[in-house]
Protein backbone atom coordinates (compact mmCIF):
# COMPACT_ATOMS: atom_id res chain seq x y z
CA MET A 1 31.41 -25.04 13.05
CA GLY A 2 32.21 -22.33 10.57
CA GLN A 3 31.69 -19.67 13.19
CA PRO A 4 33.42 -16.28 13.17
CA SER A 5 35.58 -15.46 16.19
CA HIS A 6 33.93 -13.56 19.01
CA GLN A 7 35.86 -10.45 18.04
CA ALA A 8 34.71 -10.69 14.41
CA SER A 9 31.12 -11.38 15.46
CA ASN A 10 31.07 -8.39 17.79
CA ALA A 11 32.52 -6.19 15.06
CA LEU A 12 29.90 -7.28 12.51
CA ILE A 13 26.99 -6.84 14.93
CA TYR A 14 27.87 -3.52 16.48
CA LEU A 15 29.34 -1.85 13.40
CA THR A 16 26.08 -2.62 11.62
CA TYR A 17 24.10 -1.12 14.50
CA GLY A 18 26.45 1.84 14.55
CA ALA A 19 25.90 2.46 10.85
CA PHE A 20 22.11 2.40 11.29
CA LEU A 21 22.35 4.75 14.27
CA VAL A 22 24.47 7.29 12.35
CA ILE A 23 22.17 7.12 9.32
CA GLY A 24 19.08 7.48 11.50
CA ILE A 25 20.41 10.49 13.42
CA TRP A 26 21.64 12.13 10.23
CA ILE A 27 18.21 11.77 8.59
CA ALA A 28 16.53 13.04 11.76
CA TRP A 29 18.77 16.11 11.65
CA LEU A 30 17.84 16.77 8.03
CA TRP A 31 14.14 16.60 8.95
CA ARG A 32 14.46 18.31 12.31
CA GLY A 33 11.84 20.91 11.36
CA GLN A 34 9.07 18.43 10.52
CA SER A 35 5.62 18.86 12.03
CA LYS A 36 3.94 16.49 14.47
CA LYS A 37 1.74 15.29 11.63
CA ASP A 38 4.81 14.31 9.59
CA PHE A 39 6.32 12.68 12.67
CA LEU A 40 3.34 10.35 12.95
CA ALA A 41 2.61 9.73 9.25
CA SER A 42 3.58 10.75 5.70
CA ASN A 43 0.33 10.59 3.78
CA ARG A 44 0.52 10.68 -0.03
CA THR A 45 4.25 11.28 -0.30
CA GLN A 46 5.88 8.04 -1.48
CA LYS A 47 6.39 6.46 -4.90
CA ALA A 48 6.19 2.78 -5.81
CA ILE A 49 9.79 1.56 -5.35
CA PRO A 50 10.34 3.05 -1.87
CA LEU A 51 6.94 1.63 -0.90
CA ALA A 52 7.95 -1.80 -2.16
CA LEU A 53 11.20 -1.75 -0.16
CA ASN A 54 9.27 -0.67 2.93
CA PHE A 55 6.68 -3.40 2.61
CA ILE A 56 9.51 -5.91 2.15
CA ALA A 57 11.37 -4.72 5.24
CA SER A 58 8.20 -4.58 7.34
CA ALA A 59 6.96 -8.00 6.22
CA LEU A 60 10.16 -9.78 7.22
CA GLY A 61 12.03 -10.05 10.50
CA SER A 62 14.69 -12.21 12.06
CA GLY A 63 12.02 -14.70 13.18
CA ILE A 64 11.78 -16.02 9.61
CA LEU A 65 15.05 -17.87 10.20
CA PHE A 66 13.19 -20.08 12.70
CA THR A 67 9.65 -20.41 11.41
CA TYR A 68 10.07 -21.11 7.68
CA PRO A 69 12.82 -23.77 7.95
CA GLU A 70 10.71 -25.39 10.70
CA ILE A 71 7.62 -25.69 8.52
CA ALA A 72 9.78 -27.17 5.76
CA THR A 73 11.01 -29.93 8.10
CA LEU A 74 7.47 -30.69 9.28
CA ALA A 75 5.29 -30.32 6.18
CA GLY A 76 7.89 -30.45 3.42
CA VAL A 77 7.70 -28.57 0.16
CA GLN A 78 3.91 -28.39 0.36
CA GLY A 79 3.92 -26.67 3.75
CA LEU A 80 6.75 -24.32 2.81
CA VAL A 81 5.08 -23.13 -0.40
CA VAL A 82 1.76 -22.63 1.40
CA TYR A 83 3.46 -20.68 4.20
CA ALA A 84 5.46 -18.46 1.83
CA LEU A 85 2.43 -17.65 -0.34
CA SER A 86 0.18 -17.15 2.69
CA SER A 87 2.66 -14.62 4.09
CA SER A 88 3.26 -12.70 0.87
CA LEU A 89 -0.06 -12.63 -1.00
CA PRO A 90 -1.92 -10.73 1.77
CA LEU A 91 0.25 -7.71 0.92
CA LEU A 92 -1.84 -7.41 -2.23
CA ALA A 93 -4.86 -6.75 0.00
CA PHE A 94 -3.37 -3.37 0.92
CA GLY A 95 -3.12 -2.48 -2.76
CA PHE A 96 -6.77 -3.43 -3.22
CA LEU A 97 -8.36 -2.19 0.02
CA GLY A 98 -6.04 0.77 0.59
CA PRO A 99 -7.60 3.02 -2.08
CA ILE A 100 -11.10 2.15 -0.80
CA ILE A 101 -10.28 3.05 2.80
CA ARG A 102 -8.37 6.19 1.78
CA ARG A 103 -11.43 7.43 -0.08
CA LYS A 104 -13.66 6.68 2.89
CA CYS A 105 -11.22 8.13 5.42
CA PRO A 106 -8.71 10.41 3.63
CA GLU A 107 -7.49 12.11 6.80
CA GLY A 108 -6.54 8.83 8.50
CA PHE A 109 -3.28 6.92 8.48
CA VAL A 110 -4.25 3.74 10.38
CA LEU A 111 -7.18 1.33 10.05
CA THR A 112 -8.52 2.28 13.47
CA GLU A 113 -9.30 5.80 12.21
CA TRP A 114 -11.62 4.38 9.56
CA THR A 115 -13.12 2.12 12.25
CA ARG A 116 -13.85 5.18 14.38
CA GLN A 117 -15.53 6.92 11.47
CA ARG A 118 -17.52 3.85 10.44
CA TYR A 119 -18.38 2.15 13.73
CA GLY A 120 -17.96 4.74 16.47
CA VAL A 121 -15.60 5.33 19.36
CA ILE A 122 -16.20 2.11 21.32
CA ALA A 123 -15.50 -0.17 18.35
CA ALA A 124 -12.46 1.95 17.43
CA LEU A 125 -11.03 1.64 20.95
CA TYR A 126 -11.71 -2.11 20.89
CA LEU A 127 -9.80 -2.50 17.63
CA SER A 128 -7.08 -0.15 18.86
CA ILE A 129 -6.48 -2.26 21.95
CA LEU A 130 -6.21 -5.41 19.83
CA THR A 131 -3.87 -3.60 17.43
CA LEU A 132 -1.60 -2.32 20.20
CA ILE A 133 -1.47 -5.76 21.83
CA THR A 134 -0.59 -7.32 18.48
CA LEU A 135 2.19 -4.80 17.85
CA PHE A 136 3.51 -5.38 21.38
CA LEU A 137 3.57 -9.16 20.82
CA TYR A 138 5.35 -8.73 17.49
CA MET A 139 7.98 -6.51 19.11
CA VAL A 140 8.49 -9.11 21.83
CA ALA A 141 8.78 -11.88 19.25
CA GLU A 142 11.31 -9.89 17.22
CA LEU A 143 13.62 -9.25 20.17
CA SER A 144 13.24 -12.82 21.38
CA ALA A 145 14.17 -14.14 17.93
CA LEU A 146 17.17 -11.79 17.73
CA GLN A 147 18.51 -12.96 21.07
CA GLN A 148 18.21 -16.64 20.12
CA ILE A 149 19.78 -16.12 16.68
CA ILE A 150 22.80 -14.24 18.02
CA ASN A 151 23.28 -16.99 20.61
CA ALA A 152 23.11 -19.68 17.90
CA LEU A 153 25.26 -17.95 15.27
CA THR A 154 28.04 -16.55 17.42
CA GLY A 155 28.01 -18.21 20.81
CA LEU A 156 27.77 -14.71 22.31
CA ASN A 157 25.15 -13.58 24.79
CA GLY A 158 22.32 -12.25 22.63
CA LEU A 159 21.14 -10.02 25.49
CA TRP A 160 23.61 -7.30 24.53
CA ALA A 161 22.48 -7.25 20.92
CA VAL A 162 18.88 -6.86 22.13
CA ILE A 163 19.84 -3.96 24.38
CA VAL A 164 21.85 -2.20 21.68
CA GLN A 165 19.10 -2.64 19.09
CA CYS A 166 16.54 -1.18 21.51
CA ILE A 167 18.79 1.83 22.10
CA VAL A 168 19.58 2.38 18.41
CA THR A 169 16.04 2.17 17.08
CA THR A 170 14.61 4.11 20.03
CA VAL A 171 17.06 6.97 19.52
CA TYR A 172 16.40 7.55 15.84
CA THR A 173 12.68 6.70 16.00
CA SER A 174 12.11 9.13 18.88
CA LEU A 175 13.94 11.84 16.93
CA GLY A 176 12.38 11.33 13.51
CA GLY A 177 9.25 9.20 13.89
CA PHE A 178 7.66 7.42 10.95
CA ARG A 179 9.63 9.28 8.30
CA ILE A 180 12.92 7.98 9.73
CA SER A 181 11.52 4.46 9.85
CA PHE A 182 10.42 4.77 6.22
CA ILE A 183 13.81 5.96 4.96
CA THR A 184 15.86 3.48 7.02
CA ASP A 185 13.60 0.68 5.82
CA ASN A 186 14.52 1.59 2.25
CA ILE A 187 18.19 1.13 3.12
CA GLN A 188 17.64 -2.00 5.22
CA GLY A 189 15.27 -3.52 2.66
CA THR A 190 17.86 -3.07 -0.08
CA MET A 191 20.56 -4.60 2.13
CA VAL A 192 18.40 -7.60 3.01
CA VAL A 193 17.58 -8.37 -0.63
CA GLY A 194 21.27 -8.12 -1.57
CA LEU A 195 22.42 -10.26 1.36
CA ILE A 196 19.74 -12.88 0.68
CA ILE A 197 20.90 -13.20 -2.94
CA LEU A 198 24.53 -13.49 -1.87
CA GLY A 199 23.67 -15.99 0.86
CA VAL A 200 21.58 -18.17 -1.44
CA ILE A 201 24.32 -18.35 -4.05
CA THR A 202 26.84 -19.28 -1.37
CA VAL A 203 24.66 -21.96 0.21
CA GLY A 204 23.91 -23.40 -3.23
CA VAL A 205 27.62 -23.68 -4.03
CA LYS A 206 28.84 -24.93 -0.65
CA THR A 207 26.07 -27.38 0.33
CA ASN A 208 26.37 -31.04 -0.63
CA VAL A 209 23.00 -32.79 -0.88
CA ASP A 210 22.79 -36.54 -0.28
CA ARG A 211 20.40 -37.57 -3.04
CA SER A 212 19.44 -40.76 -1.24
CA LEU A 213 17.94 -38.66 1.56
CA VAL A 214 15.76 -36.59 -0.76
CA GLU A 215 13.30 -39.38 -1.50
CA SER A 216 13.48 -41.11 1.88
CA SER A 217 12.83 -37.88 3.82
CA GLY A 218 9.24 -37.72 2.58
CA LEU A 219 9.47 -33.92 2.35
CA LEU A 220 8.40 -33.97 -1.30
CA ASP A 221 5.12 -35.67 -0.42
CA ALA A 222 1.83 -34.05 0.57
CA SER A 223 0.71 -34.49 4.18
CA LEU A 224 -2.34 -33.98 6.38
CA LEU A 225 -0.61 -31.02 8.05
CA GLY A 226 0.16 -29.52 4.66
CA TRP A 227 -3.48 -29.71 3.62
CA GLN A 228 -4.61 -28.21 6.94
CA LEU A 229 -2.17 -25.34 6.55
CA MET A 230 -3.71 -24.47 3.18
CA TYR A 231 -6.67 -23.16 5.17
CA ILE A 232 -5.11 -22.14 8.50
CA LEU A 233 -2.26 -19.96 7.26
CA PRO A 234 -4.13 -17.79 4.72
CA VAL A 235 -6.87 -17.07 7.28
CA ALA A 236 -4.41 -16.44 10.11
CA ILE A 237 -1.94 -14.24 8.26
CA LEU A 238 -4.38 -12.28 6.09
CA THR A 239 -6.53 -11.26 9.05
CA ASN A 240 -3.52 -10.57 11.26
CA ASP A 241 -1.98 -8.21 8.73
CA PHE A 242 -4.95 -5.91 9.33
CA PHE A 243 -3.63 -5.37 12.87
CA ILE A 244 -0.15 -4.36 11.69
CA SER A 245 -0.35 -0.57 11.67
CA GLY A 246 3.01 -0.34 9.92
CA PHE A 247 1.40 -1.70 6.76
CA TRP A 248 -1.43 0.86 6.98
CA LEU A 249 1.01 3.72 7.56
CA ARG A 250 2.76 2.74 4.35
CA THR A 251 -0.56 2.28 2.55
CA PHE A 252 -1.62 5.84 3.39
CA ALA A 253 1.89 7.09 2.59
CA SER A 254 1.61 6.05 -1.08
CA LYS A 255 1.51 9.06 -3.36
CA THR A 256 -1.10 7.56 -5.67
CA ASP A 257 -3.22 4.42 -5.78
CA ARG A 258 -1.14 3.28 -8.75
CA ASP A 259 2.06 3.59 -6.72
CA LEU A 260 0.42 1.55 -3.98
CA ARG A 261 -0.64 -1.23 -6.33
CA ILE A 262 2.79 -1.40 -7.98
CA GLY A 263 4.61 -1.26 -4.65
CA THR A 264 2.57 -4.03 -3.03
CA SER A 265 2.85 -6.19 -6.15
CA ILE A 266 6.65 -5.93 -6.20
CA ALA A 267 6.83 -6.54 -2.45
CA THR A 268 4.60 -9.60 -2.74
CA ALA A 269 6.82 -11.21 -5.35
CA VAL A 270 10.07 -10.42 -3.52
CA VAL A 271 8.78 -11.50 -0.10
CA ALA A 272 7.48 -14.79 -1.54
CA CYS A 273 10.90 -15.51 -3.04
CA ILE A 274 12.81 -14.56 0.12
CA LEU A 275 10.62 -16.63 2.42
CA THR A 276 10.79 -19.63 0.12
CA LEU A 277 14.58 -19.42 -0.13
CA VAL A 278 14.95 -19.11 3.64
CA GLY A 279 12.59 -22.03 4.17
CA VAL A 280 14.49 -24.21 1.71
CA SER A 281 17.32 -24.28 4.28
CA GLY A 282 15.10 -26.63 6.30
CA LEU A 283 14.87 -28.97 3.32
CA LEU A 284 18.62 -28.77 2.70
CA ALA A 285 19.33 -29.48 6.37
CA ALA A 286 17.33 -32.70 6.06
CA TRP A 287 18.80 -33.65 2.70
CA THR A 288 22.40 -33.11 3.82
CA GLY A 289 21.84 -35.22 6.92
CA VAL A 290 22.48 -32.50 9.51
CA TRP A 291 18.85 -32.58 10.63
CA PRO A 292 17.34 -34.11 12.72
CA GLY A 293 20.75 -35.21 13.95
CA ASP A 294 21.71 -37.36 16.91
CA PRO A 295 20.15 -36.64 19.32
CA PRO A 296 17.21 -35.32 17.25
CA GLN A 297 16.95 -31.52 17.11
CA LEU A 298 13.95 -29.25 16.68
CA GLY A 299 13.10 -28.21 13.14
CA SER A 300 13.19 -24.56 14.21
CA ILE A 301 17.00 -24.67 14.35
CA ALA A 302 17.45 -26.44 11.01
CA PHE A 303 18.78 -23.24 9.42
CA PHE A 304 21.54 -22.99 12.02
CA LEU A 305 22.40 -26.68 11.79
CA LEU A 306 22.96 -26.15 8.07
CA LEU A 307 25.17 -23.12 8.71
CA GLU A 308 27.45 -25.27 10.86
CA GLN A 309 28.59 -26.96 7.65
CA LEU A 310 29.49 -23.69 5.90
CA PRO A 311 32.52 -21.36 6.09
CA ALA A 312 32.72 -18.69 8.78
CA TRP A 313 32.36 -15.85 6.28
CA VAL A 314 28.94 -17.18 5.25
CA VAL A 315 27.85 -17.00 8.87
CA GLY A 316 29.19 -13.44 8.91
CA ILE A 317 26.86 -12.53 6.03
CA VAL A 318 23.95 -14.06 7.91
CA ILE A 319 24.82 -12.06 11.04
CA VAL A 320 24.66 -8.77 9.13
CA MET A 321 21.47 -9.91 7.41
CA THR A 322 19.92 -10.80 10.77
CA VAL A 323 20.72 -7.41 12.29
CA SER A 324 19.31 -5.66 9.21
CA LEU A 325 16.15 -7.77 9.22
CA SER A 326 15.53 -7.28 12.91
CA THR A 327 16.27 -3.55 12.96
CA ALA A 328 14.01 -2.89 9.97
CA ALA A 329 11.12 -4.84 11.43
CA PHE A 330 11.55 -3.46 14.95
CA ASP A 331 11.69 0.24 14.11
CA SER A 332 8.62 -0.20 11.89
CA LEU A 333 6.74 -1.74 14.81
CA GLN A 334 7.92 1.02 17.15
CA SER A 335 6.77 3.86 14.91
CA ALA A 336 3.50 2.03 14.15
CA MET A 337 2.72 1.56 17.83
CA ILE A 338 3.41 5.20 18.68
CA SER A 339 1.40 6.51 15.73
CA THR A 340 -1.51 4.22 16.58
CA GLY A 341 -1.49 5.10 20.28
CA SER A 342 -1.21 8.83 19.61
CA ASN A 343 -4.05 8.77 17.10
CA ASP A 344 -6.44 6.39 18.83
CA LEU A 345 -5.95 7.13 22.52
CA PHE A 346 -4.98 10.81 22.50
CA ARG A 347 -6.42 11.98 19.14
CA ASN A 348 -2.99 13.40 18.22
CA ARG A 349 -3.22 16.08 20.90
CA LEU A 350 -0.05 15.03 22.74
CA ASN A 351 2.88 17.41 22.78
CA PHE A 352 5.78 16.47 20.49
CA TRP A 353 8.04 15.68 23.46
CA TRP A 354 5.46 13.49 25.16
CA ILE A 355 5.28 11.42 21.99
CA ARG A 356 9.05 11.09 21.94
CA LEU A 357 9.04 10.11 25.61
CA ALA A 358 6.45 7.44 24.83
CA VAL A 359 8.85 5.92 22.27
CA VAL A 360 11.49 5.64 24.99
CA LEU A 361 9.20 4.30 27.72
CA LEU A 362 7.63 1.71 25.43
CA ILE A 363 10.88 -0.17 25.01
CA PHE A 364 11.26 -1.24 28.64
CA PRO A 365 8.27 -3.60 28.98
CA VAL A 366 8.94 -4.99 25.49
CA ALA A 367 12.56 -5.82 26.33
CA VAL A 368 11.70 -7.34 29.71
CA VAL A 369 9.09 -9.70 28.26
CA ALA A 370 11.28 -10.57 25.26
CA LEU A 371 14.21 -11.63 27.44
CA LYS A 372 12.09 -14.43 28.85
CA SER A 373 12.39 -15.96 25.35
CA PRO A 374 8.82 -17.16 24.85
CA SER A 375 7.93 -19.32 21.87
CA ILE A 376 8.05 -17.07 18.82
CA LEU A 377 5.54 -19.17 16.91
CA GLN A 378 3.11 -19.24 19.83
CA ILE A 379 3.20 -15.44 20.07
CA TYR A 380 2.25 -15.16 16.42
CA LEU A 381 -0.48 -17.80 16.73
CA ILE A 382 -2.22 -16.12 19.68
CA SER A 383 -2.34 -12.89 17.71
CA ASP A 384 -3.56 -14.75 14.61
CA LEU A 385 -6.44 -16.35 16.49
CA VAL A 386 -7.61 -12.99 17.84
CA SER A 387 -7.50 -11.40 14.39
CA ALA A 388 -9.28 -14.37 12.78
CA SER A 389 -12.23 -13.79 15.10
CA SER A 390 -12.32 -9.98 14.80
CA ILE A 391 -11.46 -8.99 11.24
CA PRO A 392 -14.24 -10.81 9.30
CA VAL A 393 -16.95 -8.96 11.25
CA LEU A 394 -15.04 -5.69 10.83
CA VAL A 395 -14.60 -5.69 7.05
CA ILE A 396 -18.33 -6.13 6.43
CA GLY A 397 -18.54 -2.37 6.93
CA LEU A 398 -16.38 -1.74 3.86
CA SER A 399 -19.43 -2.47 1.71
CA SER A 400 -21.80 0.48 1.38
CA LYS A 401 -24.65 -2.02 1.05
CA CYS A 402 -24.08 -3.12 4.64
CA TYR A 403 -24.70 0.31 6.13
CA TRP A 404 -26.90 -1.32 8.80
CA TRP A 405 -23.92 -3.18 10.33
CA ARG A 406 -22.80 -1.37 13.50
CA GLY A 407 -19.95 -1.32 15.97
CA PHE A 408 -21.95 -3.41 18.45
CA GLU A 409 -21.86 -6.35 16.05
CA VAL A 410 -18.11 -5.92 15.51
CA VAL A 411 -17.27 -6.05 19.21
CA VAL A 412 -19.67 -8.87 20.08
CA GLY A 413 -18.59 -10.84 17.02
CA GLY A 414 -14.89 -10.50 17.79
CA LEU A 415 -15.27 -11.59 21.40
CA GLY A 416 -17.78 -14.24 20.42
CA GLY A 417 -15.31 -15.77 17.98
CA LEU A 418 -12.84 -16.36 20.81
CA LEU A 419 -15.62 -17.80 22.98
CA THR A 420 -16.47 -20.15 20.11
CA VAL A 421 -12.87 -21.39 20.05
CA PHE A 422 -13.13 -22.12 23.78
CA ILE A 423 -16.42 -23.97 23.28
CA PHE A 424 -14.94 -25.98 20.40
CA GLY A 425 -11.86 -26.86 22.45
CA THR A 426 -13.94 -27.92 25.44
CA ILE A 427 -16.03 -30.23 23.25
CA TYR A 428 -13.02 -31.53 21.30
CA TYR A 429 -10.89 -32.32 24.36
CA GLY A 430 -13.73 -33.11 26.73
CA ASN A 431 -12.72 -30.60 29.41
CA ALA A 432 -12.73 -26.83 29.90
CA LYS A 433 -9.05 -26.56 30.87
CA ASP A 434 -7.79 -27.86 27.53
CA GLY A 435 -10.46 -25.78 25.82
CA ALA A 436 -9.00 -22.67 27.44
CA ASN A 437 -5.46 -23.76 26.54
CA LEU A 438 -6.52 -23.98 22.91
CA LEU A 439 -6.99 -20.20 22.98
CA LEU A 440 -3.24 -19.98 23.68
CA LEU A 441 -2.45 -22.77 21.17
CA GLU A 442 -0.04 -24.23 23.71
CA GLN A 443 0.35 -27.39 21.62
CA SER A 444 1.47 -25.23 18.69
CA LEU A 445 0.15 -25.30 15.16
CA TYR A 446 1.94 -28.45 14.11
CA VAL A 447 0.02 -31.12 16.02
CA ASP A 448 -1.14 -34.46 14.69
CA ASP A 449 -4.85 -33.76 15.22
CA TRP A 450 -7.57 -31.33 14.19
CA SER A 451 -7.43 -28.97 17.19
CA ALA A 452 -5.56 -26.07 15.55
CA PHE A 453 -7.53 -26.44 12.34
CA GLY A 454 -10.78 -26.44 14.30
CA ALA A 455 -9.73 -23.36 16.25
CA PHE A 456 -9.13 -21.36 13.08
CA VAL A 457 -12.46 -22.52 11.65
CA ALA A 458 -14.31 -21.71 14.87
CA ALA A 459 -12.82 -18.20 15.23
CA PRO A 460 -14.08 -16.53 12.01
CA ILE A 461 -17.30 -18.54 11.69
CA GLY A 462 -18.10 -18.08 15.35
CA GLY A 463 -17.35 -14.36 15.05
CA LEU A 464 -19.75 -13.99 12.13
CA LEU A 465 -22.46 -16.01 13.91
CA TRP A 466 -22.13 -14.01 17.12
CA GLY A 467 -22.10 -10.78 15.11
CA SER A 468 -25.25 -11.82 13.29
CA GLY A 469 -26.87 -12.72 16.60
CA ALA A 470 -25.88 -9.35 18.04
CA PHE A 471 -27.39 -7.65 14.99
CA THR A 472 -30.66 -9.52 15.48
CA VAL A 473 -30.81 -8.66 19.18
CA ARG A 474 -29.95 -4.99 18.59
CA VAL A 475 -32.55 -4.53 15.85
CA GLY A 476 -35.16 -6.38 17.93
CA VAL A 477 -34.55 -4.21 20.98
CA GLN A 478 -34.61 -1.03 18.92
CA TRP A 479 -37.90 -2.11 17.28
CA ILE A 480 -39.48 -2.77 20.68
CA LEU A 481 -38.25 0.55 22.05
CA ALA A 482 -39.62 2.35 19.00
CA LYS A 483 -43.03 0.76 19.54
CA VAL A 484 -43.05 1.43 23.30
CA ARG A 485 -41.89 5.03 23.02
CA GLY A 486 -43.94 5.77 19.93
CA HIS A 487 -41.08 7.07 17.79
CA ARG A 488 -39.87 6.06 14.35
CA PHE A 489 -37.98 2.79 13.89
CA GLU A 490 -34.66 3.82 12.27
CA ALA A 491 -32.41 0.78 12.58
CA PHE A 492 -32.42 0.29 8.81
CA ASN A 493 -32.16 3.93 7.84
CA ARG A 494 -29.09 4.69 5.80
CA PRO A 495 -26.83 6.83 8.01
CA SER A 496 -25.63 10.22 6.88
CA VAL A 497 -22.07 9.70 5.68
CA ALA A 498 -19.64 11.73 3.66
CA ASP A 499 -19.91 11.24 -0.10
CA PRO A 500 -16.92 11.59 -2.44
CA SER A 501 -17.67 15.28 -3.11
CA PHE A 502 -17.61 16.01 0.62
CA LEU A 503 -14.32 14.21 1.17
CA THR A 504 -12.53 15.70 -1.82
CA GLY A 505 -14.02 19.18 -1.69
CA SER A 506 -15.27 18.79 -5.27
CA ASP A 507 -18.71 18.26 -6.74
CA GLU A 508 -17.32 15.71 -9.15
CA ARG A 509 -15.18 12.68 -8.63
CA PRO A 510 -11.68 13.49 -9.86
CA SER A 511 -10.89 12.09 -13.27
CA ASP A 512 -7.55 10.88 -11.96
CA GLU A 513 -8.33 10.21 -8.35
CA ASP A 514 -4.97 8.62 -7.76
CA ASP A 515 -3.19 11.94 -8.11
CA ARG A 516 -5.58 14.06 -6.07
CA GLU A 517 -5.04 14.95 -2.45
CA PRO A 518 -8.27 15.23 -0.41
CA THR A 519 -8.87 18.79 0.70
CA ALA A 520 -11.77 18.58 3.12
CA THR A 521 -10.25 16.34 5.72
CA ALA A 522 -11.08 18.64 8.60
CA LYS A 523 -14.79 18.15 8.01
CA SER A 524 -14.67 14.42 7.48
CA SER A 525 -12.73 13.86 10.67
CA SER A 526 -15.72 15.14 12.66
CA LEU A 527 -17.90 12.29 11.40
CA LYS A 528 -18.49 9.49 13.89
CA GLY A 529 -20.00 6.13 13.13
CA LYS A 530 -22.69 4.45 15.19
CA PHE A 531 -22.01 1.78 17.78
CA LEU A 532 -25.69 0.93 18.24
């Protein structure tokens, strides 16, 4: 194998971490006088290009070296293109929905703050718990992927890289908060793009494709799995992105709506290209004959099987790229989790040092769970199923015409969507045990049946049906109570909400709203939506 020596591998890994640590501490020193508000968020401060680099860095992670080559070996070109587009195009949703939510909740910096304002405290706490669990699972998946990649690329024990990364990101994130994460992501995002370009050119030059295997592999043909993924992946990834607070922090950080739209558009294009290029390694592994191999190997390691045929210095580039990818994704998740927890659970009343302590304490359970090396794909899928049941009933409230939709429907709908998946699984498999296992997608996404497809149909549709049922029950009960108690029936009364003049402190909507900073945020933050 073209593998660097252990000494060279150690040097590449830990010098890269050392560079990020020095940069992070230096930036934290420069911003040592920042307020708690700036520590948690940077609303309306960032231009388009830095936003694009941040969205790129946050949307990737070292796990892409497993998941995208794997889908290419299982569903061919069709599956890879669907996966890459399904992962990148949802970034455009932040450019479209971000301005709407910022106008409705200008003082916020995460989606849960708008949820609190629109649906009330109970629904906000419900969404916050789901968001924090999702971020925790993503952090676990990132460290688990890093450990496995370092093991595969270098033959070294990936545990030490995990420990060092936890220390490095925790140190500079606890010192500088979101602003540090934003600036380091600019650096890491630039590095990743450059390393990807260099790596792709190298692989293209050094890889010898056996043309006879291209046709016989069947990877150019459409497949049942590929058609199923055309529905599953857009639903799963689009809804799950709503739970990633790091994206919302960057959405609120955009200086203007125009910067946000440009930044997300650039990020979408770049992320689509990167994911496609990484996934093509699975195709090349099959077409060069190194996968599936003898004995047959899992498609998730196709990328590393291909690297075995390349020079050691190419592997060295991939090592640096992996560390950059993982560090960028992990510090974004760390800062997002702390900002979300501080805002949602403590209403930003925690002392500065308690927040910093939380950054440190958070890392221990994440590292412990990650070292058990659970299935990276399964972690993502569990989170995707939860979001697919919860987000459709949540976003109904974005429409002012649906002012009658309350937090009760959101909570019941989200939980009901998961119950619907269980019911579907029980009917499909004929027993409750396998129905419950479908909630965990233990058989993965890539099975030769309709179970996973059915689960991702049942989750959003079931959520909407349960939400509609909850709405009917709530309105019916309120009508009966109004009749019994002799007071006015108000379930369909339009609630008193802040209009644009209230949120902006102006009687007229700004002519260039993109460039205006809301001035009446203190008042709007006192508004609370209705749960019932």
